[in-house]
Amino acid sequence: VFLSQSASLVVALLFLVPIVFIKKTSFRISRRDALILFI
């Protein structure tokens, strides 16, 4: 379970991060938003 999900999330990040760069989206978020995203 944990190993397969780790691998799938790595794949997802390899897909998501380049798109964020292409769209020139700022990575900066507030502490409140970071906490909500973590939860």
PDB file of all heavy atoms in Angstrom:
ATOM      1  N   VAL A   1       0.817  -1.217   0.000  1.00  0.00           N
ATOM      2  CA  VAL A   1       0.000   0.000   0.000  1.00  0.00           C
ATOM      3  C   VAL A   1       0.850   1.266   0.000  1.00  0.00           C
ATOM      4  O   VAL A   1       0.728   2.124  -0.888  1.00  0.00           O
ATOM      5  CB  VAL A   1      -0.962   0.001   1.204  1.00  0.00           C
ATOM      6  CG1 VAL A   1      -1.633   1.368   1.347  1.00  0.00           C
ATOM      7  CG2 VAL A   1      -2.011  -1.083   1.047  1.00  0.00           C
ATOM      8  N   PHE A   2       1.711   1.433   0.985  1.00  0.00           N
ATOM      9  CA  PHE A   2       2.455   2.685   1.131  1.00  0.00           C
ATOM     10  C   PHE A   2       3.455   2.874  -0.009  1.00  0.00           C
ATOM     11  O   PHE A   2       3.629   3.986  -0.515  1.00  0.00           O
ATOM     12  CB  PHE A   2       3.179   2.722   2.483  1.00  0.00           C
ATOM     13  CG  PHE A   2       2.256   2.830   3.655  1.00  0.00           C
ATOM     14  CD1 PHE A   2       1.934   1.713   4.406  1.00  0.00           C
ATOM     15  CD2 PHE A   2       1.695   4.054   4.000  1.00  0.00           C
ATOM     16  CE1 PHE A   2       1.074   1.809   5.486  1.00  0.00           C
ATOM     17  CE2 PHE A   2       0.834   4.162   5.078  1.00  0.00           C
ATOM     18  CZ  PHE A   2       0.512   3.038   5.826  1.00  0.00           C
ATOM     19  N   LEU A   3       4.087   1.807  -0.429  1.00  0.00           N
ATOM     20  CA  LEU A   3       5.079   1.897  -1.504  1.00  0.00           C
ATOM     21  C   LEU A   3       4.408   2.250  -2.830  1.00  0.00           C
ATOM     22  O   LEU A   3       4.895   3.109  -3.579  1.00  0.00           O
ATOM     23  CB  LEU A   3       5.839   0.579  -1.622  1.00  0.00           C
ATOM     24  CG  LEU A   3       7.065   0.574  -2.530  1.00  0.00           C
ATOM     25  CD1 LEU A   3       8.090   1.594  -2.064  1.00  0.00           C
ATOM     26  CD2 LEU A   3       7.684  -0.821  -2.558  1.00  0.00           C
ATOM     27  N   SER A   4       3.291   1.608  -3.128  1.00  0.00           N
ATOM     28  CA  SER A   4       2.593   1.875  -4.393  1.00  0.00           C
ATOM     29  C   SER A   4       2.054   3.295  -4.437  1.00  0.00           C
ATOM     30  O   SER A   4       2.116   3.973  -5.470  1.00  0.00           O
ATOM     31  CB  SER A   4       1.453   0.879  -4.592  1.00  0.00           C
ATOM     32  OG  SER A   4       0.470   1.007  -3.579  1.00  0.00           O
ATOM     33  N   GLN A   5       1.548   3.788  -3.301  1.00  0.00           N
ATOM     34  CA  GLN A   5       1.022   5.150  -3.269  1.00  0.00           C
ATOM     35  C   GLN A   5       2.136   6.185  -3.344  1.00  0.00           C
ATOM     36  O   GLN A   5       1.969   7.246  -3.953  1.00  0.00           O
ATOM     37  CB  GLN A   5       0.167   5.349  -2.018  1.00  0.00           C
ATOM     38  CG  GLN A   5      -1.113   4.541  -2.012  1.00  0.00           C
ATOM     39  CD  GLN A   5      -1.918   4.717  -3.277  1.00  0.00           C
ATOM     40  OE1 GLN A   5      -2.344   5.827  -3.608  1.00  0.00           O
ATOM     41  NE2 GLN A   5      -2.119   3.638  -4.020  1.00  0.00           N
ATOM     42  N   SER A   6       3.269   5.909  -2.737  1.00  0.00           N
ATOM     43  CA  SER A   6       4.418   6.811  -2.858  1.00  0.00           C
ATOM     44  C   SER A   6       4.811   6.959  -4.324  1.00  0.00           C
ATOM     45  O   SER A   6       5.037   8.071  -4.814  1.00  0.00           O
ATOM     46  CB  SER A   6       5.607   6.278  -2.053  1.00  0.00           C
ATOM     47  OG  SER A   6       5.324   6.242  -0.683  1.00  0.00           O
ATOM     48  N   ALA A   7       4.869   5.831  -5.028  1.00  0.00           N
ATOM     49  CA  ALA A   7       5.247   5.852  -6.447  1.00  0.00           C
ATOM     50  C   ALA A   7       4.226   6.612  -7.276  1.00  0.00           C
ATOM     51  O   ALA A   7       4.580   7.407  -8.161  1.00  0.00           O
ATOM     52  CB  ALA A   7       5.389   4.416  -6.960  1.00  0.00           C
ATOM     53  N   SER A   8       2.925   6.384  -7.006  1.00  0.00           N
ATOM     54  CA  SER A   8       1.886   7.058  -7.790  1.00  0.00           C
ATOM     55  C   SER A   8       1.907   8.568  -7.555  1.00  0.00           C
ATOM     56  O   SER A   8       1.661   9.356  -8.482  1.00  0.00           O
ATOM     57  CB  SER A   8       0.503   6.490  -7.449  1.00  0.00           C
ATOM     58  OG  SER A   8       0.096   6.861  -6.152  1.00  0.00           O
ATOM     59  N   LEU A   9       2.229   8.993  -6.342  1.00  0.00           N
ATOM     60  CA  LEU A   9       2.272  10.422  -6.044  1.00  0.00           C
ATOM     61  C   LEU A   9       3.499  11.079  -6.668  1.00  0.00           C
ATOM     62  O   LEU A   9       3.448  12.250  -7.070  1.00  0.00           O
ATOM     63  CB  LEU A   9       2.251  10.641  -4.531  1.00  0.00           C
ATOM     64  CG  LEU A   9       0.921  10.263  -3.858  1.00  0.00           C
ATOM     65  CD1 LEU A   9       1.067  10.252  -2.347  1.00  0.00           C
ATOM     66  CD2 LEU A   9      -0.185  11.212  -4.279  1.00  0.00           C
ATOM     67  N   VAL A  10       4.596  10.342  -6.755  1.00  0.00           N
ATOM     68  CA  VAL A  10       5.773  10.851  -7.474  1.00  0.00           C
ATOM     69  C   VAL A  10       5.419  11.080  -8.937  1.00  0.00           C
ATOM     70  O   VAL A  10       5.765  12.107  -9.534  1.00  0.00           O
ATOM     71  CB  VAL A  10       6.959   9.875  -7.344  1.00  0.00           C
ATOM     72  CG1 VAL A  10       8.083  10.276  -8.311  1.00  0.00           C
ATOM     73  CG2 VAL A  10       7.485   9.857  -5.914  1.00  0.00           C
ATOM     74  N   VAL A  11       4.709  10.122  -9.530  1.00  0.00           N
ATOM     75  CA  VAL A  11       4.260  10.254 -10.925  1.00  0.00           C
ATOM     76  C   VAL A  11       3.375  11.484 -11.082  1.00  0.00           C
ATOM     77  O   VAL A  11       3.512  12.258 -12.040  1.00  0.00           O
ATOM     78  CB  VAL A  11       3.486   8.986 -11.365  1.00  0.00           C
ATOM     79  CG1 VAL A  11       2.812   9.215 -12.723  1.00  0.00           C
ATOM     80  CG2 VAL A  11       4.418   7.787 -11.433  1.00  0.00           C
ATOM     81  N   ALA A  12       2.448  11.680 -10.128  1.00  0.00           N
ATOM     82  CA  ALA A  12       1.550  12.829 -10.190  1.00  0.00           C
ATOM     83  C   ALA A  12       2.325  14.142 -10.129  1.00  0.00           C
ATOM     84  O   ALA A  12       2.016  15.093 -10.867  1.00  0.00           O
ATOM     85  CB  ALA A  12       0.544  12.760  -9.045  1.00  0.00           C
ATOM     86  N   LEU A  13       3.340  14.211  -9.274  1.00  0.00           N
ATOM     87  CA  LEU A  13       4.137  15.436  -9.164  1.00  0.00           C
ATOM     88  C   LEU A  13       4.942  15.693 -10.441  1.00  0.00           C
ATOM     89  O   LEU A  13       5.099  16.848 -10.865  1.00  0.00           O
ATOM     90  CB  LEU A  13       5.081  15.345  -7.966  1.00  0.00           C
ATOM     91  CG  LEU A  13       4.436  15.558  -6.596  1.00  0.00           C
ATOM     92  CD1 LEU A  13       5.450  15.298  -5.487  1.00  0.00           C
ATOM     93  CD2 LEU A  13       3.877  16.982  -6.474  1.00  0.00           C
ATOM     94  N   LEU A  14       5.445  14.630 -11.050  1.00  0.00           N
ATOM     95  CA  LEU A  14       6.163  14.786 -12.321  1.00  0.00           C
ATOM     96  C   LEU A  14       5.240  15.323 -13.414  1.00  0.00           C
ATOM     97  O   LEU A  14       5.696  15.926 -14.388  1.00  0.00           O
ATOM     98  CB  LEU A  14       6.757  13.443 -12.759  1.00  0.00           C
ATOM     99  CG  LEU A  14       7.904  12.901 -11.897  1.00  0.00           C
ATOM    100  CD1 LEU A  14       8.304  11.504 -12.363  1.00  0.00           C
ATOM    101  CD2 LEU A  14       9.099  13.849 -11.944  1.00  0.00           C
ATOM    102  N   PHE A  15       3.956  15.113 -13.237  1.00  0.00           N
ATOM    103  CA  PHE A  15       2.948  15.597 -14.176  1.00  0.00           C
ATOM    104  C   PHE A  15       2.508  17.024 -13.819  1.00  0.00           C
ATOM    105  O   PHE A  15       2.329  17.873 -14.692  1.00  0.00           O
ATOM    106  CB  PHE A  15       1.745  14.649 -14.153  1.00  0.00           C
ATOM    107  CG  PHE A  15       0.625  15.033 -15.081  1.00  0.00           C
ATOM    108  CD1 PHE A  15       0.706  14.766 -16.436  1.00  0.00           C
ATOM    109  CD2 PHE A  15      -0.511  15.647 -14.588  1.00  0.00           C
ATOM    110  CE1 PHE A  15      -0.329  15.123 -17.288  1.00  0.00           C
ATOM    111  CE2 PHE A  15      -1.548  16.005 -15.428  1.00  0.00           C
ATOM    112  CZ  PHE A  15      -1.461  15.734 -16.784  1.00  0.00           C
ATOM    113  N   LEU A  16       2.379  17.318 -12.515  1.00  0.00           N
ATOM    114  CA  LEU A  16       1.821  18.590 -12.065  1.00  0.00           C
ATOM    115  C   LEU A  16       2.827  19.737 -12.052  1.00  0.00           C
ATOM    116  O   LEU A  16       2.523  20.854 -12.488  1.00  0.00           O
ATOM    117  CB  LEU A  16       1.232  18.430 -10.660  1.00  0.00           C
ATOM    118  CG  LEU A  16      -0.050  17.601 -10.539  1.00  0.00           C
ATOM    119  CD1 LEU A  16      -0.330  17.272  -9.073  1.00  0.00           C
ATOM    120  CD2 LEU A  16      -1.223  18.346 -11.152  1.00  0.00           C
ATOM    121  N   VAL A  17       4.032  19.472 -11.534  1.00  0.00           N
ATOM    122  CA  VAL A  17       5.015  20.549 -11.363  1.00  0.00           C
ATOM    123  C   VAL A  17       5.371  21.233 -12.688  1.00  0.00           C
ATOM    124  O   VAL A  17       5.387  22.478 -12.755  1.00  0.00           O
ATOM    125  CB  VAL A  17       6.283  20.013 -10.658  1.00  0.00           C
ATOM    126  CG1 VAL A  17       7.369  21.095 -10.631  1.00  0.00           C
ATOM    127  CG2 VAL A  17       5.946  19.582  -9.233  1.00  0.00           C
ATOM    128  N   PRO A  18       5.652  20.493 -13.775  1.00  0.00           N
ATOM    129  CA  PRO A  18       5.944  21.182 -15.043  1.00  0.00           C
ATOM    130  C   PRO A  18       4.784  22.053 -15.524  1.00  0.00           C
ATOM    131  O   PRO A  18       5.019  23.123 -16.098  1.00  0.00           O
ATOM    132  CB  PRO A  18       6.197  20.016 -16.019  1.00  0.00           C
ATOM    133  CG  PRO A  18       6.619  18.880 -15.155  1.00  0.00           C
ATOM    134  CD  PRO A  18       5.825  19.027 -13.903  1.00  0.00           C
ATOM    135  N   ILE A  19       3.545  21.605 -15.276  1.00  0.00           N
ATOM    136  CA  ILE A  19       2.395  22.406 -15.703  1.00  0.00           C
ATOM    137  C   ILE A  19       2.329  23.709 -14.922  1.00  0.00           C
ATOM    138  O   ILE A  19       2.015  24.769 -15.472  1.00  0.00           O
ATOM    139  CB  ILE A  19       1.088  21.599 -15.532  1.00  0.00           C
ATOM    140  CG1 ILE A  19       1.101  20.360 -16.425  1.00  0.00           C
ATOM    141  CG2 ILE A  19      -0.130  22.464 -15.857  1.00  0.00           C
ATOM    142  CD1 ILE A  19      -0.128  19.479 -16.269  1.00  0.00           C
ATOM    143  N   VAL A  20       2.642  23.646 -13.618  1.00  0.00           N
ATOM    144  CA  VAL A  20       2.662  24.860 -12.795  1.00  0.00           C
ATOM    145  C   VAL A  20       3.716  25.832 -13.315  1.00  0.00           C
ATOM    146  O   VAL A  20       3.479  27.046 -13.401  1.00  0.00           O
ATOM    147  CB  VAL A  20       2.930  24.506 -11.318  1.00  0.00           C
ATOM    148  CG1 VAL A  20       3.109  25.779 -10.494  1.00  0.00           C
ATOM    149  CG2 VAL A  20       1.782  23.680 -10.745  1.00  0.00           C
ATOM    150  N   PHE A  21       4.875  25.298 -13.708  1.00  0.00           N
ATOM    151  CA  PHE A  21       5.934  26.151 -14.265  1.00  0.00           C
ATOM    152  C   PHE A  21       5.501  26.756 -15.597  1.00  0.00           C
ATOM    153  O   PHE A  21       5.726  27.943 -15.857  1.00  0.00           O
ATOM    154  CB  PHE A  21       7.223  25.343 -14.447  1.00  0.00           C
ATOM    155  CG  PHE A  21       8.107  25.333 -13.233  1.00  0.00           C
ATOM    156  CD1 PHE A  21       8.263  24.167 -12.493  1.00  0.00           C
ATOM    157  CD2 PHE A  21       8.765  26.479 -12.822  1.00  0.00           C
ATOM    158  CE1 PHE A  21       9.059  24.139 -11.363  1.00  0.00           C
ATOM    159  CE2 PHE A  21       9.580  26.463 -11.693  1.00  0.00           C
ATOM    160  CZ  PHE A  21       9.726  25.292 -10.965  1.00  0.00           C
ATOM    161  N   ILE A  22       4.893  25.936 -16.457  1.00  0.00           N
ATOM    162  CA  ILE A  22       4.464  26.413 -17.781  1.00  0.00           C
ATOM    163  C   ILE A  22       3.449  27.544 -17.652  1.00  0.00           C
ATOM    164  O   ILE A  22       3.481  28.527 -18.389  1.00  0.00           O
ATOM    165  CB  ILE A  22       3.883  25.242 -18.604  1.00  0.00           C
ATOM    166  CG1 ILE A  22       4.997  24.252 -18.968  1.00  0.00           C
ATOM    167  CG2 ILE A  22       3.190  25.754 -19.871  1.00  0.00           C
ATOM    168  CD1 ILE A  22       4.489  22.981 -19.614  1.00  0.00           C
ATOM    169  N   LYS A  23       2.543  27.401 -16.686  1.00  0.00           N
ATOM    170  CA  LYS A  23       1.522  28.426 -16.474  1.00  0.00           C
ATOM    171  C   LYS A  23       2.052  29.621 -15.689  1.00  0.00           C
ATOM    172  O   LYS A  23       1.312  30.584 -15.438  1.00  0.00           O
ATOM    173  CB  LYS A  23       0.319  27.813 -15.748  1.00  0.00           C
ATOM    174  CG  LYS A  23      -0.502  26.879 -16.621  1.00  0.00           C
ATOM    175  CD  LYS A  23      -1.730  26.398 -15.875  1.00  0.00           C
ATOM    176  CE  LYS A  23      -2.652  25.626 -16.801  1.00  0.00           C
ATOM    177  NZ  LYS A  23      -3.288  26.516 -17.813  1.00  0.00           N
ATOM    178  N   LYS A  24       3.329  29.550 -15.289  1.00  0.00           N
ATOM    179  CA  LYS A  24       3.988  30.635 -14.555  1.00  0.00           C
ATOM    180  C   LYS A  24       3.206  31.008 -13.294  1.00  0.00           C
ATOM    181  O   LYS A  24       3.024  32.187 -12.971  1.00  0.00           O
ATOM    182  CB  LYS A  24       4.157  31.855 -15.461  1.00  0.00           C
ATOM    183  CG  LYS A  24       5.041  31.590 -16.674  1.00  0.00           C
ATOM    184  CD  LYS A  24       5.189  32.824 -17.541  1.00  0.00           C
ATOM    185  CE  LYS A  24       6.084  32.537 -18.739  1.00  0.00           C
ATOM    186  NZ  LYS A  24       6.224  33.737 -19.627  1.00  0.00           N
ATOM    187  N   THR A  25       2.756  29.985 -12.590  1.00  0.00           N
ATOM    188  CA  THR A  25       2.017  30.184 -11.347  1.00  0.00           C
ATOM    189  C   THR A  25       2.985  30.362 -10.189  1.00  0.00           C
ATOM    190  O   THR A  25       3.962  29.617 -10.066  1.00  0.00           O
ATOM    191  CB  THR A  25       1.110  28.971 -11.054  1.00  0.00           C
ATOM    192  OG1 THR A  25       0.235  28.766 -12.161  1.00  0.00           O
ATOM    193  CG2 THR A  25       0.279  29.200  -9.805  1.00  0.00           C
ATOM    194  N   SER A  26       2.726  31.340  -9.348  1.00  0.00           N
ATOM    195  CA  SER A  26       3.580  31.561  -8.187  1.00  0.00           C
ATOM    196  C   SER A  26       3.389  30.443  -7.169  1.00  0.00           C
ATOM    197  O   SER A  26       2.263  30.015  -6.904  1.00  0.00           O
ATOM    198  CB  SER A  26       3.241  32.912  -7.541  1.00  0.00           C
ATOM    199  OG  SER A  26       3.943  33.072  -6.325  1.00  0.00           O
ATOM    200  N   PHE A  27       4.498  29.980  -6.601  1.00  0.00           N
ATOM    201  CA  PHE A  27       4.438  28.905  -5.615  1.00  0.00           C
ATOM    202  C   PHE A  27       4.148  29.433  -4.207  1.00  0.00           C
ATOM    203  O   PHE A  27       3.925  28.654  -3.293  1.00  0.00           O
ATOM    204  CB  PHE A  27       5.765  28.128  -5.594  1.00  0.00           C
ATOM    205  CG  PHE A  27       5.951  27.214  -6.765  1.00  0.00           C
ATOM    206  CD1 PHE A  27       6.455  27.699  -7.960  1.00  0.00           C
ATOM    207  CD2 PHE A  27       5.624  25.872  -6.681  1.00  0.00           C
ATOM    208  CE1 PHE A  27       6.628  26.857  -9.049  1.00  0.00           C
ATOM    209  CE2 PHE A  27       5.797  25.021  -7.761  1.00  0.00           C
ATOM    210  CZ  PHE A  27       6.290  25.520  -8.953  1.00  0.00           C
ATOM    211  N   ARG A  28       4.128  30.734  -4.036  1.00  0.00           N
ATOM    212  CA  ARG A  28       3.967  31.325  -2.721  1.00  0.00           C
ATOM    213  C   ARG A  28       2.513  31.227  -2.252  1.00  0.00           C
ATOM    214  O   ARG A  28       1.584  31.551  -2.990  1.00  0.00           O
ATOM    215  CB  ARG A  28       4.408  32.791  -2.741  1.00  0.00           C
ATOM    216  CG  ARG A  28       5.889  32.986  -3.051  1.00  0.00           C
ATOM    217  CD  ARG A  28       6.274  34.444  -2.951  1.00  0.00           C
ATOM    218  NE  ARG A  28       6.099  34.954  -1.585  1.00  0.00           N
ATOM    219  CZ  ARG A  28       6.360  36.213  -1.226  1.00  0.00           C
ATOM    220  NH1 ARG A  28       6.794  37.088  -2.137  1.00  0.00           N
ATOM    221  NH2 ARG A  28       6.198  36.596   0.011  1.00  0.00           N
ATOM    222  N   ILE A  29       2.332  30.780  -1.026  1.00  0.00           N
ATOM    223  CA  ILE A  29       1.011  30.712  -0.408  1.00  0.00           C
ATOM    224  C   ILE A  29       1.123  31.188   1.040  1.00  0.00           C
ATOM    225  O   ILE A  29       2.210  31.165   1.617  1.00  0.00           O
ATOM    226  CB  ILE A  29       0.422  29.280  -0.440  1.00  0.00           C
ATOM    227  CG1 ILE A  29       1.384  28.293   0.215  1.00  0.00           C
ATOM    228  CG2 ILE A  29       0.075  28.856  -1.851  1.00  0.00           C
ATOM    229  CD1 ILE A  29       0.829  26.882   0.326  1.00  0.00           C
ATOM    230  N   SER A  30       0.029  31.592   1.611  1.00  0.00           N
ATOM    231  CA  SER A  30       0.040  32.074   2.991  1.00  0.00           C
ATOM    232  C   SER A  30       0.173  30.903   3.956  1.00  0.00           C
ATOM    233  O   SER A  30      -0.052  29.749   3.593  1.00  0.00           O
ATOM    234  CB  SER A  30      -1.240  32.856   3.291  1.00  0.00           C
ATOM    235  OG  SER A  30      -2.364  31.984   3.265  1.00  0.00           O
ATOM    236  N   ARG A  31       0.525  31.206   5.191  1.00  0.00           N
ATOM    237  CA  ARG A  31       0.646  30.145   6.204  1.00  0.00           C
ATOM    238  C   ARG A  31      -0.704  29.481   6.452  1.00  0.00           C
ATOM    239  O   ARG A  31      -0.767  28.271   6.662  1.00  0.00           O
ATOM    240  CB  ARG A  31       1.182  30.736   7.500  1.00  0.00           C
ATOM    241  CG  ARG A  31       2.638  31.186   7.416  1.00  0.00           C
ATOM    242  CD  ARG A  31       3.120  31.691   8.769  1.00  0.00           C
ATOM    243  NE  ARG A  31       4.527  32.118   8.707  1.00  0.00           N
ATOM    244  CZ  ARG A  31       5.192  32.616   9.750  1.00  0.00           C
ATOM    245  NH1 ARG A  31       4.561  32.757  10.929  1.00  0.00           N
ATOM    246  NH2 ARG A  31       6.441  32.966   9.625  1.00  0.00           N
ATOM    247  N   ARG A  32      -1.777  30.284   6.432  1.00  0.00           N
ATOM    248  CA  ARG A  32      -3.114  29.726   6.645  1.00  0.00           C
ATOM    249  C   ARG A  32      -3.469  28.736   5.543  1.00  0.00           C
ATOM    250  O   ARG A  32      -3.966  27.642   5.813  1.00  0.00           O
ATOM    251  CB  ARG A  32      -4.143  30.858   6.692  1.00  0.00           C
ATOM    252  CG  ARG A  32      -5.590  30.360   6.870  1.00  0.00           C
ATOM    253  CD  ARG A  32      -6.556  31.529   6.874  1.00  0.00           C
ATOM    254  NE  ARG A  32      -7.924  31.059   7.013  1.00  0.00           N
ATOM    255  CZ  ARG A  32      -8.675  30.652   5.995  1.00  0.00           C
ATOM    256  NH1 ARG A  32      -8.161  30.650   4.766  1.00  0.00           N
ATOM    257  NH2 ARG A  32      -9.914  30.241   6.210  1.00  0.00           N
ATOM    258  N   ASP A  33      -3.216  29.123   4.281  1.00  0.00           N
ATOM    259  CA  ASP A  33      -3.510  28.225   3.164  1.00  0.00           C
ATOM    260  C   ASP A  33      -2.634  26.976   3.214  1.00  0.00           C
ATOM    261  O   ASP A  33      -3.091  25.872   2.897  1.00  0.00           O
ATOM    262  CB  ASP A  33      -3.307  28.945   1.829  1.00  0.00           C
ATOM    263  CG  ASP A  33      -4.413  29.957   1.551  1.00  0.00           C
ATOM    264  OD1 ASP A  33      -5.540  29.753   2.035  1.00  0.00           O
ATOM    265  OD2 ASP A  33      -4.137  30.947   0.850  1.00  0.00           O
ATOM    266  N   ALA A  34      -1.368  27.152   3.619  1.00  0.00           N
ATOM    267  CA  ALA A  34      -0.465  25.999   3.723  1.00  0.00           C
ATOM    268  C   ALA A  34      -0.976  25.009   4.768  1.00  0.00           C
ATOM    269  O   ALA A  34      -0.926  23.787   4.567  1.00  0.00           O
ATOM    270  CB  ALA A  34       0.938  26.458   4.083  1.00  0.00           C
ATOM    271  N   LEU A  35      -1.496  25.535   5.879  1.00  0.00           N
ATOM    272  CA  LEU A  35      -2.034  24.668   6.928  1.00  0.00           C
ATOM    273  C   LEU A  35      -3.270  23.919   6.439  1.00  0.00           C
ATOM    274  O   LEU A  35      -3.410  22.712   6.676  1.00  0.00           O
ATOM    275  CB  LEU A  35      -2.373  25.499   8.163  1.00  0.00           C
ATOM    276  CG  LEU A  35      -3.013  24.735   9.339  1.00  0.00           C
ATOM    277  CD1 LEU A  35      -2.074  23.645   9.840  1.00  0.00           C
ATOM    278  CD2 LEU A  35      -3.380  25.700  10.464  1.00  0.00           C
ATOM    279  N   ILE A  36      -4.156  24.634   5.742  1.00  0.00           N
ATOM    280  CA  ILE A  36      -5.361  23.985   5.212  1.00  0.00           C
ATOM    281  C   ILE A  36      -4.992  22.911   4.202  1.00  0.00           C
ATOM    282  O   ILE A  36      -5.560  21.813   4.199  1.00  0.00           O
ATOM    283  CB  ILE A  36      -6.300  25.032   4.581  1.00  0.00           C
ATOM    284  CG1 ILE A  36      -6.841  25.971   5.654  1.00  0.00           C
ATOM    285  CG2 ILE A  36      -7.467  24.342   3.853  1.00  0.00           C
ATOM    286  CD1 ILE A  36      -7.669  27.125   5.101  1.00  0.00           C
ATOM    287  N   LEU A  37      -4.033  23.205   3.337  1.00  0.00           N
ATOM    288  CA  LEU A  37      -3.594  22.221   2.336  1.00  0.00           C
ATOM    289  C   LEU A  37      -2.962  21.004   3.002  1.00  0.00           C
ATOM    290  O   LEU A  37      -3.150  19.872   2.553  1.00  0.00           O
ATOM    291  CB  LEU A  37      -2.606  22.871   1.367  1.00  0.00           C
ATOM    292  CG  LEU A  37      -3.208  23.882   0.382  1.00  0.00           C
ATOM    293  CD1 LEU A  37      -2.108  24.666  -0.314  1.00  0.00           C
ATOM    294  CD2 LEU A  37      -4.097  23.172  -0.633  1.00  0.00           C
ATOM    295  N   PHE A  38      -2.206  21.247   4.078  1.00  0.00           N
ATOM    296  CA  PHE A  38      -1.595  20.128   4.809  1.00  0.00           C
ATOM    297  C   PHE A  38      -2.679  19.243   5.426  1.00  0.00           C
ATOM    298  O   PHE A  38      -2.589  18.009   5.380  1.00  0.00           O
ATOM    299  CB  PHE A  38      -0.660  20.657   5.894  1.00  0.00           C
ATOM    300  CG  PHE A  38      -0.007  19.569   6.707  1.00  0.00           C
ATOM    301  CD1 PHE A  38       1.130  18.926   6.242  1.00  0.00           C
ATOM    302  CD2 PHE A  38      -0.539  19.186   7.934  1.00  0.00           C
ATOM    303  CE1 PHE A  38       1.726  17.909   6.985  1.00  0.00           C
ATOM    304  CE2 PHE A  38       0.045  18.179   8.678  1.00  0.00           C
ATOM    305  CZ  PHE A  38       1.182  17.531   8.201  1.00  0.00           C
ATOM    306  N   ILE A  39      -3.705  19.868   6.017  1.00  0.00           N
ATOM    307  CA  ILE A  39      -4.803  19.090   6.610  1.00  0.00           C
ATOM    308  C   ILE A  39      -5.565  18.337   5.532  1.00  0.00           C
ATOM    309  O   ILE A  39      -5.961  17.181   5.719  1.00  0.00           O
ATOM    310  CB  ILE A  39      -5.747  20.025   7.395  1.00  0.00           C
ATOM    311  CG1 ILE A  39      -5.008  20.655   8.580  1.00  0.00           C
ATOM    312  CG2 ILE A  39      -6.969  19.256   7.899  1.00  0.00           C
ATOM    313  CD1 ILE A  39      -5.806  21.717   9.307  1.00  0.00           C
TER     314      ILE A  39
END
